[in-house]
C-alpha atoms as a PDB file:
ATOM      1  CA  UNK A   1     -40.332  61.869 -14.679  1.00  0.00           C
ATOM      2  CA  UNK A   2     -36.774  62.472 -15.925  1.00  0.00           C
ATOM      3  CA  UNK A   3     -35.635  62.161 -12.346  1.00  0.00           C
ATOM      4  CA  UNK A   4     -37.244  58.732 -12.106  1.00  0.00           C
ATOM      5  CA  UNK A   5     -35.695  57.688 -15.422  1.00  0.00           C
ATOM      6  CA  UNK A   6     -32.292  58.879 -14.181  1.00  0.00           C
ATOM      7  CA  UNK A   7     -32.644  56.865 -10.998  1.00  0.00           C
ATOM      8  CA  UNK A   8     -33.586  53.760 -13.030  1.00  0.00           C
ATOM      9  CA  UNK A   9     -30.557  54.283 -15.337  1.00  0.00           C
ATOM     10  CA  UNK A  10     -28.233  54.673 -12.354  1.00  0.00           C
ATOM     11  CA  UNK A  11     -29.660  51.487 -10.829  1.00  0.00           C
ATOM     12  CA  UNK A  12     -29.208  49.584 -14.103  1.00  0.00           C
ATOM     13  CA  UNK A  13     -25.646  50.900 -14.553  1.00  0.00           C
ATOM     14  CA  UNK A  14     -24.804  49.962 -10.978  1.00  0.00           C
ATOM     15  CA  UNK A  15     -26.339  46.519 -11.498  1.00  0.00           C
ATOM     16  CA  UNK A  16     -24.341  45.924 -14.674  1.00  0.00           C
ATOM     17  CA  UNK A  17     -21.117  47.162 -13.114  1.00  0.00           C
ATOM     18  CA  UNK A  18     -21.684  44.792 -10.199  1.00  0.00           C
ATOM     19  CA  UNK A  19     -22.542  41.975 -12.597  1.00  0.00           C
ATOM     20  CA  UNK A  20     -19.421  42.656 -14.672  1.00  0.00           C
ATOM     21  CA  UNK A  21     -17.281  42.546 -11.542  1.00  0.00           C
ATOM     22  CA  UNK A  22     -18.960  39.309 -10.531  1.00  0.00           C
ATOM     23  CA  UNK A  23     -18.389  37.820 -13.988  1.00  0.00           C
ATOM     24  CA  UNK A  24     -14.770  38.933 -13.796  1.00  0.00           C
ATOM     25  CA  UNK A  25     -14.403  37.152 -10.461  1.00  0.00           C
ATOM     26  CA  UNK A  26     -15.982  34.048 -11.952  1.00  0.00           C
ATOM     27  CA  UNK A  27     -13.590  34.208 -14.882  1.00  0.00           C
ATOM     28  CA  UNK A  28     -10.698  34.504 -12.448  1.00  0.00           C
ATOM     29  CA  UNK A  29     -11.955  31.460 -10.621  1.00  0.00           C
ATOM     30  CA  UNK A  30     -12.386  29.596 -13.870  1.00  0.00           C
ATOM     31  CA  UNK A  31      -8.886  30.600 -14.833  1.00  0.00           C
ATOM     32  CA  UNK A  32      -7.607  29.101 -11.599  1.00  0.00           C
ATOM     33  CA  UNK A  33      -9.536  25.935 -12.274  1.00  0.00           C
ATOM     34  CA  UNK A  34      -8.013  25.674 -15.738  1.00  0.00           C
ATOM     35  CA  UNK A  35      -4.500  25.975 -14.364  1.00  0.00           C
ATOM     36  CA  UNK A  36      -2.674  22.626 -14.205  1.00  0.00           C
ATOM     37  CA  UNK A  37      -3.438  20.733 -11.008  1.00  0.00           C
ATOM     38  CA  UNK A  38      -0.355  19.890  -8.994  1.00  0.00           C
ATOM     39  CA  UNK A  39      -0.381  16.557  -7.209  1.00  0.00           C
ATOM     40  CA  UNK A  40       1.502  15.427  -4.132  1.00  0.00           C
ATOM     41  CA  UNK A  41       4.219  12.886  -4.881  1.00  0.00           C
ATOM     42  CA  UNK A  42       6.507  10.634  -2.837  1.00  0.00           C
ATOM     43  CA  UNK A  43       4.019  10.087  -0.013  1.00  0.00           C
ATOM     44  CA  UNK A  44       6.123   6.971   0.570  1.00  0.00           C
ATOM     45  CA  UNK A  45       9.536   6.179  -0.867  1.00  0.00           C
ATOM     46  CA  UNK A  46       8.468   3.097  -2.823  1.00  0.00           C
ATOM     47  CA  UNK A  47       5.531   0.888  -3.722  1.00  0.00           C
ATOM     48  CA  UNK A  48       6.010  -1.153  -0.517  1.00  0.00           C
ATOM     49  CA  UNK A  49       6.213   0.233   3.007  1.00  0.00           C
ATOM     50  CA  UNK A  50       7.599  -2.902   4.669  1.00  0.00           C
ATOM     51  CA  UNK A  51       5.318  -5.849   3.954  1.00  0.00           C
ATOM     52  CA  UNK A  52       2.266  -3.965   2.721  1.00  0.00           C
ATOM     53  CA  UNK A  53       1.640  -1.970  -0.427  1.00  0.00           C
ATOM     54  CA  UNK A  54       1.908   1.811  -0.269  1.00  0.00           C
ATOM     55  CA  UNK A  55      -0.190   4.452  -2.043  1.00  0.00           C
ATOM     56  CA  UNK A  56       2.503   4.697  -4.727  1.00  0.00           C
ATOM     57  CA  UNK A  57       2.182   3.104  -8.180  1.00  0.00           C
ATOM     58  CA  UNK A  58       4.918   2.090 -10.579  1.00  0.00           C
ATOM     59  CA  UNK A  59       5.276   4.631 -13.402  1.00  0.00           C
ATOM     60  CA  UNK A  60       3.833   3.754 -16.793  1.00  0.00           C
ATOM     61  CA  UNK A  61       6.196   1.550 -18.795  1.00  0.00           C
ATOM     62  CA  UNK A  62       8.458   0.864 -15.800  1.00  0.00           C
ATOM     63  CA  UNK A  63       9.270  -2.534 -14.286  1.00  0.00           C
ATOM     64  CA  UNK A  64      10.027  -2.671 -10.553  1.00  0.00           C
ATOM     65  CA  UNK A  65      12.080  -5.781  -9.694  1.00  0.00           C
ATOM     66  CA  UNK A  66      12.079  -6.409  -5.952  1.00  0.00           C
ATOM     67  CA  UNK A  67      13.938  -8.975  -3.830  1.00  0.00           C
ATOM     68  CA  UNK A  68      12.724  -9.486  -0.257  1.00  0.00           C
ATOM     69  CA  UNK A  69      14.485 -11.477   2.475  1.00  0.00           C
ATOM     70  CA  UNK A  70      13.359 -12.475   5.956  1.00  0.00           C
ATOM     71  CA  UNK A  71      15.796 -14.250   8.254  1.00  0.00           C
ATOM     72  CA  UNK A  72      14.901 -16.564  11.133  1.00  0.00           C
ATOM     73  CA  UNK A  73      13.647 -15.169  14.439  1.00  0.00           C
ATOM     74  CA  UNK A  74      16.216 -13.643  16.799  1.00  0.00           C
ATOM     75  CA  UNK A  75      15.136 -15.935  19.656  1.00  0.00           C
ATOM     76  CA  UNK A  76      16.965 -18.817  17.928  1.00  0.00           C
ATOM     77  CA  UNK A  77      20.045 -17.606  19.746  1.00  0.00           C
ATOM     78  CA  UNK A  78      23.719 -17.733  18.937  1.00  0.00           C
ATOM     79  CA  UNK A  79      23.594 -21.280  17.520  1.00  0.00           C
ATOM     80  CA  UNK A  80      21.618 -19.936  14.497  1.00  0.00           C
ATOM     81  CA  UNK A  81      23.343 -16.530  14.755  1.00  0.00           C
ATOM     82  CA  UNK A  82      20.079 -15.011  15.946  1.00  0.00           C
ATOM     83  CA  UNK A  83      18.207 -16.197  12.881  1.00  0.00           C
ATOM     84  CA  UNK A  84      20.734 -15.265  10.205  1.00  0.00           C
ATOM     85  CA  UNK A  85      21.390 -18.944   9.412  1.00  0.00           C
ATOM     86  CA  UNK A  86      17.810 -19.240   8.146  1.00  0.00           C
ATOM     87  CA  UNK A  87      16.337 -17.233   5.292  1.00  0.00           C
ATOM     88  CA  UNK A  88      13.089 -16.887   3.372  1.00  0.00           C
ATOM     89  CA  UNK A  89      12.957 -15.052   0.057  1.00  0.00           C
ATOM     90  CA  UNK A  90      10.419 -13.508  -2.297  1.00  0.00           C
ATOM     91  CA  UNK A  91      10.809 -12.197  -5.848  1.00  0.00           C
ATOM     92  CA  UNK A  92       8.412  -9.560  -7.158  1.00  0.00           C
ATOM     93  CA  UNK A  93       7.878  -8.101 -10.628  1.00  0.00           C
ATOM     94  CA  UNK A  94       5.607  -5.028 -10.686  1.00  0.00           C
ATOM     95  CA  UNK A  95       4.797  -3.229 -13.932  1.00  0.00           C
ATOM     96  CA  UNK A  96       3.102   0.096 -14.615  1.00  0.00           C
ATOM     97  CA  UNK A  97       0.573  -0.446 -17.413  1.00  0.00           C
ATOM     98  CA  UNK A  98      -0.775   3.114 -17.132  1.00  0.00           C
ATOM     99  CA  UNK A  99      -0.284   6.036 -14.762  1.00  0.00           C
ATOM    100  CA  UNK A 100      -3.099   4.687 -12.609  1.00  0.00           C
ATOM    101  CA  UNK A 101      -2.789   0.896 -13.047  1.00  0.00           C
ATOM    102  CA  UNK A 102      -0.008  -1.358 -11.745  1.00  0.00           C
ATOM    103  CA  UNK A 103       0.048  -5.158 -11.879  1.00  0.00           C
ATOM    104  CA  UNK A 104       2.446  -7.530 -10.198  1.00  0.00           C
ATOM    105  CA  UNK A 105       3.539 -11.155  -9.867  1.00  0.00           C
ATOM    106  CA  UNK A 106       5.600 -12.759  -7.132  1.00  0.00           C
ATOM    107  CA  UNK A 107       6.971 -16.031  -5.829  1.00  0.00           C
ATOM    108  CA  UNK A 108       7.937 -16.826  -2.234  1.00  0.00           C
ATOM    109  CA  UNK A 109       9.526 -19.934  -0.766  1.00  0.00           C
ATOM    110  CA  UNK A 110       7.235 -19.571   2.269  1.00  0.00           C
ATOM    111  CA  UNK A 111       4.682 -22.299   1.505  1.00  0.00           C
ATOM    112  CA  UNK A 112       6.000 -22.131  -2.096  1.00  0.00           C
ATOM    113  CA  UNK A 113       3.504 -19.372  -2.791  1.00  0.00           C
ATOM    114  CA  UNK A 114       2.779 -17.622  -6.079  1.00  0.00           C
ATOM    115  CA  UNK A 115       0.812 -14.391  -5.904  1.00  0.00           C
ATOM    116  CA  UNK A 116      -0.465 -11.643  -8.170  1.00  0.00           C
ATOM    117  CA  UNK A 117      -2.257  -8.333  -7.768  1.00  0.00           C
ATOM    118  CA  UNK A 118      -3.741  -5.342  -9.563  1.00  0.00           C
ATOM    119  CA  UNK A 119      -3.518  -1.853  -8.083  1.00  0.00           C
ATOM    120  CA  UNK A 120      -5.683   1.047  -9.235  1.00  0.00           C
ATOM    121  CA  UNK A 121      -5.147   4.673  -8.246  1.00  0.00           C
ATOM    122  CA  UNK A 122      -8.548   6.347  -7.820  1.00  0.00           C
ATOM    123  CA  UNK A 123      -7.799   9.687  -6.143  1.00  0.00           C
ATOM    124  CA  UNK A 124      -4.617  11.761  -5.938  1.00  0.00           C
ATOM    125  CA  UNK A 125      -3.834  14.234  -3.182  1.00  0.00           C
ATOM    126  CA  UNK A 126      -3.316  17.806  -4.457  1.00  0.00           C
ATOM    127  CA  UNK A 127      -0.783  20.335  -3.220  1.00  0.00           C
ATOM    128  CA  UNK A 128      -3.571  22.884  -2.637  1.00  0.00           C
ATOM    129  CA  UNK A 129      -5.409  20.459  -0.322  1.00  0.00           C
ATOM    130  CA  UNK A 130      -8.490  20.709  -2.510  1.00  0.00           C
ATOM    131  CA  UNK A 131      -8.196  16.920  -2.394  1.00  0.00           C
ATOM    132  CA  UNK A 132      -6.554  16.204   0.983  1.00  0.00           C
ATOM    133  CA  UNK A 133      -6.021  12.440   0.542  1.00  0.00           C
ATOM    134  CA  UNK A 134      -4.991   9.836  -2.001  1.00  0.00           C
ATOM    135  CA  UNK A 135      -6.944   6.608  -2.503  1.00  0.00           C
ATOM    136  CA  UNK A 136      -5.873   3.344  -4.114  1.00  0.00           C
ATOM    137  CA  UNK A 137      -7.764   0.047  -4.379  1.00  0.00           C
ATOM    138  CA  UNK A 138      -6.015  -3.248  -4.905  1.00  0.00           C
ATOM    139  CA  UNK A 139      -6.849  -6.900  -4.982  1.00  0.00           C
ATOM    140  CA  UNK A 140      -5.048 -10.122  -5.673  1.00  0.00           C
ATOM    141  CA  UNK A 141      -4.733 -13.837  -5.196  1.00  0.00           C
ATOM    142  CA  UNK A 142      -2.161 -16.271  -3.841  1.00  0.00           C
ATOM    143  CA  UNK A 143      -1.661 -19.995  -4.478  1.00  0.00           C
ATOM    144  CA  UNK A 144       0.239 -22.363  -2.191  1.00  0.00           C
ATOM    145  CA  UNK A 145       2.061 -25.114  -4.122  1.00  0.00           C
ATOM    146  CA  UNK A 146       3.069 -27.222  -1.125  1.00  0.00           C
ATOM    147  CA  UNK A 147       2.537 -30.980  -1.439  1.00  0.00           C
ATOM    148  CA  UNK A 148      -1.023 -31.825  -0.457  1.00  0.00           C
ATOM    149  CA  UNK A 149      -1.069 -32.907   3.203  1.00  0.00           C
ATOM    150  CA  UNK A 150      -4.776 -33.559   3.748  1.00  0.00           C
ATOM    151  CA  UNK A 151      -5.440 -37.130   2.587  1.00  0.00           C
ATOM    152  CA  UNK A 152      -9.081 -37.014   3.711  1.00  0.00           C
ATOM    153  CA  UNK A 153      -9.861 -34.075   1.412  1.00  0.00           C
ATOM    154  CA  UNK A 154      -9.706 -33.797  -2.377  1.00  0.00           C
ATOM    155  CA  UNK A 155      -6.822 -31.826  -3.844  1.00  0.00           C
ATOM    156  CA  UNK A 156      -8.688 -29.223  -5.889  1.00  0.00           C
ATOM    157  CA  UNK A 157      -6.579 -26.456  -7.416  1.00  0.00           C
ATOM    158  CA  UNK A 158      -9.025 -23.858  -6.079  1.00  0.00           C
ATOM    159  CA  UNK A 159      -8.539 -25.230  -2.558  1.00  0.00           C
ATOM    160  CA  UNK A 160      -4.998 -23.870  -2.653  1.00  0.00           C
ATOM    161  CA  UNK A 161      -6.139 -20.354  -3.488  1.00  0.00           C
ATOM    162  CA  UNK A 162      -6.918 -17.350  -1.320  1.00  0.00           C
ATOM    163  CA  UNK A 163      -7.780 -13.764  -2.187  1.00  0.00           C
ATOM    164  CA  UNK A 164      -7.371 -10.335  -0.679  1.00  0.00           C
ATOM    165  CA  UNK A 165      -8.886  -6.911  -1.202  1.00  0.00           C
ATOM    166  CA  UNK A 166      -7.725  -3.605   0.208  1.00  0.00           C
ATOM    167  CA  UNK A 167      -8.477   0.110   0.169  1.00  0.00           C
ATOM    168  CA  UNK A 168      -5.454   2.340   0.748  1.00  0.00           C
ATOM    169  CA  UNK A 169      -6.129   5.837   2.083  1.00  0.00           C
ATOM    170  CA  UNK A 170      -3.065   8.036   2.542  1.00  0.00           C
ATOM    171  CA  UNK A 171      -2.122  11.604   3.290  1.00  0.00           C
ATOM    172  CA  UNK A 172       1.218  13.374   3.130  1.00  0.00           C
ATOM    173  CA  UNK A 173       0.956  15.997   5.867  1.00  0.00           C
ATOM    174  CA  UNK A 174       4.244  17.724   5.037  1.00  0.00           C
ATOM    175  CA  UNK A 175       7.614  16.940   3.502  1.00  0.00           C
ATOM    176  CA  UNK A 176       8.540  14.767   6.465  1.00  0.00           C
ATOM    177  CA  UNK A 177       5.444  12.889   7.642  1.00  0.00           C
ATOM    178  CA  UNK A 178       2.949  10.582   5.863  1.00  0.00           C
ATOM    179  CA  UNK A 179       0.144   8.385   7.199  1.00  0.00           C
ATOM    180  CA  UNK A 180      -1.769   5.536   5.559  1.00  0.00           C
ATOM    181  CA  UNK A 181      -4.846   3.455   6.525  1.00  0.00           C
ATOM    182  CA  UNK A 182      -5.611   0.062   4.945  1.00  0.00           C
ATOM    183  CA  UNK A 183      -8.975  -1.627   5.600  1.00  0.00           C
ATOM    184  CA  UNK A 184      -8.492  -5.151   4.226  1.00  0.00           C
ATOM    185  CA  UNK A 185     -10.129  -8.542   3.736  1.00  0.00           C
ATOM    186  CA  UNK A 186      -8.580 -11.987   3.176  1.00  0.00           C
ATOM    187  CA  UNK A 187     -10.708 -14.833   1.814  1.00  0.00           C
ATOM    188  CA  UNK A 188      -9.764 -18.521   2.088  1.00  0.00           C
ATOM    189  CA  UNK A 189     -11.347 -20.955  -0.366  1.00  0.00           C
ATOM    190  CA  UNK A 190     -10.580 -23.891   1.927  1.00  0.00           C
ATOM    191  CA  UNK A 191     -10.903 -23.728   5.697  1.00  0.00           C
ATOM    192  CA  UNK A 192     -10.212 -26.254   8.440  1.00  0.00           C
ATOM    193  CA  UNK A 193     -12.814 -28.855   9.420  1.00  0.00           C
ATOM    194  CA  UNK A 194     -14.031 -26.590  12.168  1.00  0.00           C
ATOM    195  CA  UNK A 195     -17.465 -25.016  12.301  1.00  0.00           C
ATOM    196  CA  UNK A 196     -16.036 -21.991  14.114  1.00  0.00           C
ATOM    197  CA  UNK A 197     -13.607 -21.173  11.308  1.00  0.00           C
ATOM    198  CA  UNK A 198     -14.502 -18.482   8.770  1.00  0.00           C
ATOM    199  CA  UNK A 199     -13.607 -18.018   5.128  1.00  0.00           C
ATOM    200  CA  UNK A 200     -13.323 -14.239   5.429  1.00  0.00           C
ATOM    201  CA  UNK A 201     -10.993 -12.363   7.761  1.00  0.00           C
ATOM    202  CA  UNK A 202     -10.989  -8.596   8.259  1.00  0.00           C
ATOM    203  CA  UNK A 203      -8.103  -6.295   9.126  1.00  0.00           C
ATOM    204  CA  UNK A 204      -7.245  -2.653   9.584  1.00  0.00           C
ATOM    205  CA  UNK A 205      -3.708  -1.669   8.715  1.00  0.00           C
ATOM    206  CA  UNK A 206      -1.966   1.563   9.642  1.00  0.00           C
ATOM    207  CA  UNK A 207       1.414   2.749   8.394  1.00  0.00           C
ATOM    208  CA  UNK A 208       3.446   5.901   8.822  1.00  0.00           C
ATOM    209  CA  UNK A 209       6.620   7.353   7.421  1.00  0.00           C
ATOM    210  CA  UNK A 210       8.882   9.873   9.133  1.00  0.00           C
ATOM    211  CA  UNK A 211      11.522  11.328   6.836  1.00  0.00           C
ATOM    212  CA  UNK A 212      14.958  11.805   8.389  1.00  0.00           C
ATOM    213  CA  UNK A 213      16.987  13.186   5.489  1.00  0.00           C
ATOM    214  CA  UNK A 214      16.468  13.649   1.769  1.00  0.00           C
ATOM    215  CA  UNK A 215      17.197   9.949   1.138  1.00  0.00           C
ATOM    216  CA  UNK A 216      16.332   8.220   4.433  1.00  0.00           C
ATOM    217  CA  UNK A 217      13.174   7.597   6.474  1.00  0.00           C
ATOM    218  CA  UNK A 218      11.738   5.449   9.274  1.00  0.00           C
ATOM    219  CA  UNK A 219       8.559   3.434   8.646  1.00  0.00           C
ATOM    220  CA  UNK A 220       6.084   1.749  10.973  1.00  0.00           C
ATOM    221  CA  UNK A 221       3.416  -0.750   9.907  1.00  0.00           C
ATOM    222  CA  UNK A 222       0.715  -2.537  11.962  1.00  0.00           C
ATOM    223  CA  UNK A 223      -2.248  -4.769  11.064  1.00  0.00           C
ATOM    224  CA  UNK A 224      -5.044  -5.442  13.525  1.00  0.00           C
ATOM    225  CA  UNK A 225      -7.104  -8.629  12.966  1.00  0.00           C
ATOM    226  CA  UNK A 226     -10.792  -8.306  13.831  1.00  0.00           C
ATOM    227  CA  UNK A 227     -11.478 -12.060  13.607  1.00  0.00           C
ATOM    228  CA  UNK A 228      -8.222 -14.064  13.806  1.00  0.00           C
ATOM    229  CA  UNK A 229      -7.927 -17.637  12.539  1.00  0.00           C
ATOM    230  CA  UNK A 230      -9.582 -19.981  15.050  1.00  0.00           C
ATOM    231  CA  UNK A 231      -7.663 -22.797  16.741  1.00  0.00           C
ATOM    232  CA  UNK A 232      -4.187 -21.476  15.907  1.00  0.00           C
ATOM    233  CA  UNK A 233      -1.867 -19.059  17.660  1.00  0.00           C
ATOM    234  CA  UNK A 234      -1.931 -15.841  15.636  1.00  0.00           C
ATOM    235  CA  UNK A 235      -0.546 -12.362  16.315  1.00  0.00           C
ATOM    236  CA  UNK A 236      -1.077  -8.971  14.738  1.00  0.00           C
ATOM    237  CA  UNK A 237       1.647  -8.070  12.268  1.00  0.00           C
ATOM    238  CA  UNK A 238       3.992  -5.322  13.518  1.00  0.00           C
ATOM    239  CA  UNK A 239       6.984  -4.073  11.518  1.00  0.00           C
ATOM    240  CA  UNK A 240       9.532  -1.287  11.896  1.00  0.00           C
ATOM    241  CA  UNK A 241      11.770  -0.311   8.987  1.00  0.00           C
ATOM    242  CA  UNK A 242      14.410   2.047   7.650  1.00  0.00           C
ATOM    243  CA  UNK A 243      14.456   3.218   4.006  1.00  0.00           C
ATOM    244  CA  UNK A 244      17.589   4.268   2.138  1.00  0.00           C
ATOM    245  CA  UNK A 245      17.474   5.512  -1.456  1.00  0.00           C
ATOM    246  CA  UNK A 246      20.664   5.096  -3.477  1.00  0.00           C
ATOM    247  CA  UNK A 247      20.278   6.111  -7.103  1.00  0.00           C
ATOM    248  CA  UNK A 248      17.987   3.643  -8.876  1.00  0.00           C
ATOM    249  CA  UNK A 249      17.724   1.439  -5.759  1.00  0.00           C
ATOM    250  CA  UNK A 250      15.524   1.690  -2.681  1.00  0.00           C
ATOM    251  CA  UNK A 251      17.099  -0.343   0.116  1.00  0.00           C
ATOM    252  CA  UNK A 252      14.788  -1.198   3.033  1.00  0.00           C
ATOM    253  CA  UNK A 253      15.964  -2.689   6.353  1.00  0.00           C
ATOM    254  CA  UNK A 254      13.376  -3.802   8.889  1.00  0.00           C
ATOM    255  CA  UNK A 255      12.334  -5.904  11.860  1.00  0.00           C
ATOM    256  CA  UNK A 256       9.009  -7.749  11.754  1.00  0.00           C
ATOM    257  CA  UNK A 257       7.203 -10.622  13.458  1.00  0.00           C
ATOM    258  CA  UNK A 258       5.820 -11.736  10.056  1.00  0.00           C
ATOM    259  CA  UNK A 259       7.792 -14.283   8.071  1.00  0.00           C
ATOM    260  CA  UNK A 260       5.454 -14.375   5.047  1.00  0.00           C
ATOM    261  CA  UNK A 261       5.750 -11.569   2.484  1.00  0.00           C
ATOM    262  CA  UNK A 262       2.381 -11.797   0.724  1.00  0.00           C
ATOM    263  CA  UNK A 263      -0.872 -10.291   1.995  1.00  0.00           C
ATOM    264  CA  UNK A 264      -2.581 -13.482   3.173  1.00  0.00           C
ATOM    265  CA  UNK A 265       0.545 -14.547   5.012  1.00  0.00           C
ATOM    266  CA  UNK A 266       1.524 -11.457   6.959  1.00  0.00           C
ATOM    267  CA  UNK A 267      -2.049 -10.312   7.699  1.00  0.00           C
ATOM    268  CA  UNK A 268      -3.630 -13.585   8.822  1.00  0.00           C
ATOM    269  CA  UNK A 269      -0.819 -16.108   9.419  1.00  0.00           C
ATOM    270  CA  UNK A 270       1.702 -14.286  11.620  1.00  0.00           C
ATOM    271  CA  UNK A 271       2.490 -16.875  14.304  1.00  0.00           C
ATOM    272  CA  UNK A 272       5.228 -15.160  16.337  1.00  0.00           C
ATOM    273  CA  UNK A 273       5.227 -12.429  18.975  1.00  0.00           C
ATOM    274  CA  UNK A 274       7.571  -9.513  19.472  1.00  0.00           C
ATOM    275  CA  UNK A 275       7.356 -10.022  23.244  1.00  0.00           C
ATOM    276  CA  UNK A 276       8.583 -13.613  22.889  1.00  0.00           C
ATOM    277  CA  UNK A 277      11.493 -12.756  20.598  1.00  0.00           C
ATOM    278  CA  UNK A 278       9.703 -13.786  17.418  1.00  0.00           C
ATOM    279  CA  UNK A 279      11.343 -10.963  15.480  1.00  0.00           C
ATOM    280  CA  UNK A 280      12.739 -11.393  11.971  1.00  0.00           C
ATOM    281  CA  UNK A 281      15.397  -9.115  10.561  1.00  0.00           C
ATOM    282  CA  UNK A 282      14.917  -8.589   6.843  1.00  0.00           C
ATOM    283  CA  UNK A 283      15.423  -6.344   3.862  1.00  0.00           C
ATOM    284  CA  UNK A 284      13.862  -5.383   0.530  1.00  0.00           C
ATOM    285  CA  UNK A 285      15.865  -4.246  -2.483  1.00  0.00           C
ATOM    286  CA  UNK A 286      14.089  -2.540  -5.373  1.00  0.00           C
ATOM    287  CA  UNK A 287      15.510  -1.811  -8.837  1.00  0.00           C
ATOM    288  CA  UNK A 288      13.474  -0.149 -11.586  1.00  0.00           C
ATOM    289  CA  UNK A 289      13.888  -0.617 -15.340  1.00  0.00           C
ATOM    290  CA  UNK A 290      12.286   1.519 -18.059  1.00  0.00           C
ATOM    291  CA  UNK A 291      10.715  -0.963 -20.456  1.00  0.00           C
ATOM    292  CA  UNK A 292       8.683   1.483 -22.513  1.00  0.00           C
ATOM    293  CA  UNK A 293       9.589   5.172 -22.789  1.00  0.00           C
ATOM    294  CA  UNK A 294       6.734   7.669 -22.353  1.00  0.00           C
ATOM    295  CA  UNK A 295       8.375  10.181 -24.714  1.00  0.00           C
END
């Protein structure tokens, strides 16, 4: 009998020792979970890659003032100094309302367009790869203020408007290489008098960054249109750029076949081809200002 009791005691002791070790392991795991989560930063150098938005948001309380230029196409030849005699410009003001919310306003002389957007960071990539990607959603609108050129149709304010929505999925694979995917939609309120035309147009964008040095990188950006605008010559937007960080500035040089610098324009209204010399040299300059200190 005592032998049986002894065996039962040994079994119980062994069970409790094993349980204590298990609890200790659980506590260790919990301790790891409670440790501060480290997130990946600088997947891209700035909030824009070339034309498109990147996964990055403006910091809370910070204003990002951005000037973008696109010159004429290089196939204009020496008479127009390969496009340098012509220039289009866009001004952007992006502000970080919170760590995860950025809003922005812009004005371009291409079709005298005003645009605005909101950008929400949903998921952040972690250094431990527990979360291997970052995800941002953004949406916005643009309004063309050109003089109305359709006398047979009423000039409603909403007819001038278009909208876009986009999901940004990005991953920083290492200190040198980052990749981003951008499924997108552009909606036109007003379409041409053509039964084949559609209000909604769908795109898939891809962008990558290859870091060269601590302050320089090469970027590539491409948007594929699944249902291009009907009845007009349209090309997929392709851009190649070079980023240079100098103190509080990010200076971006690039070549692109897209003249417009807002989402509707470069995704669905690119009318020139790289193969035909429809290439625009351009640059973006970004300067940040701390409006509200977080301390």
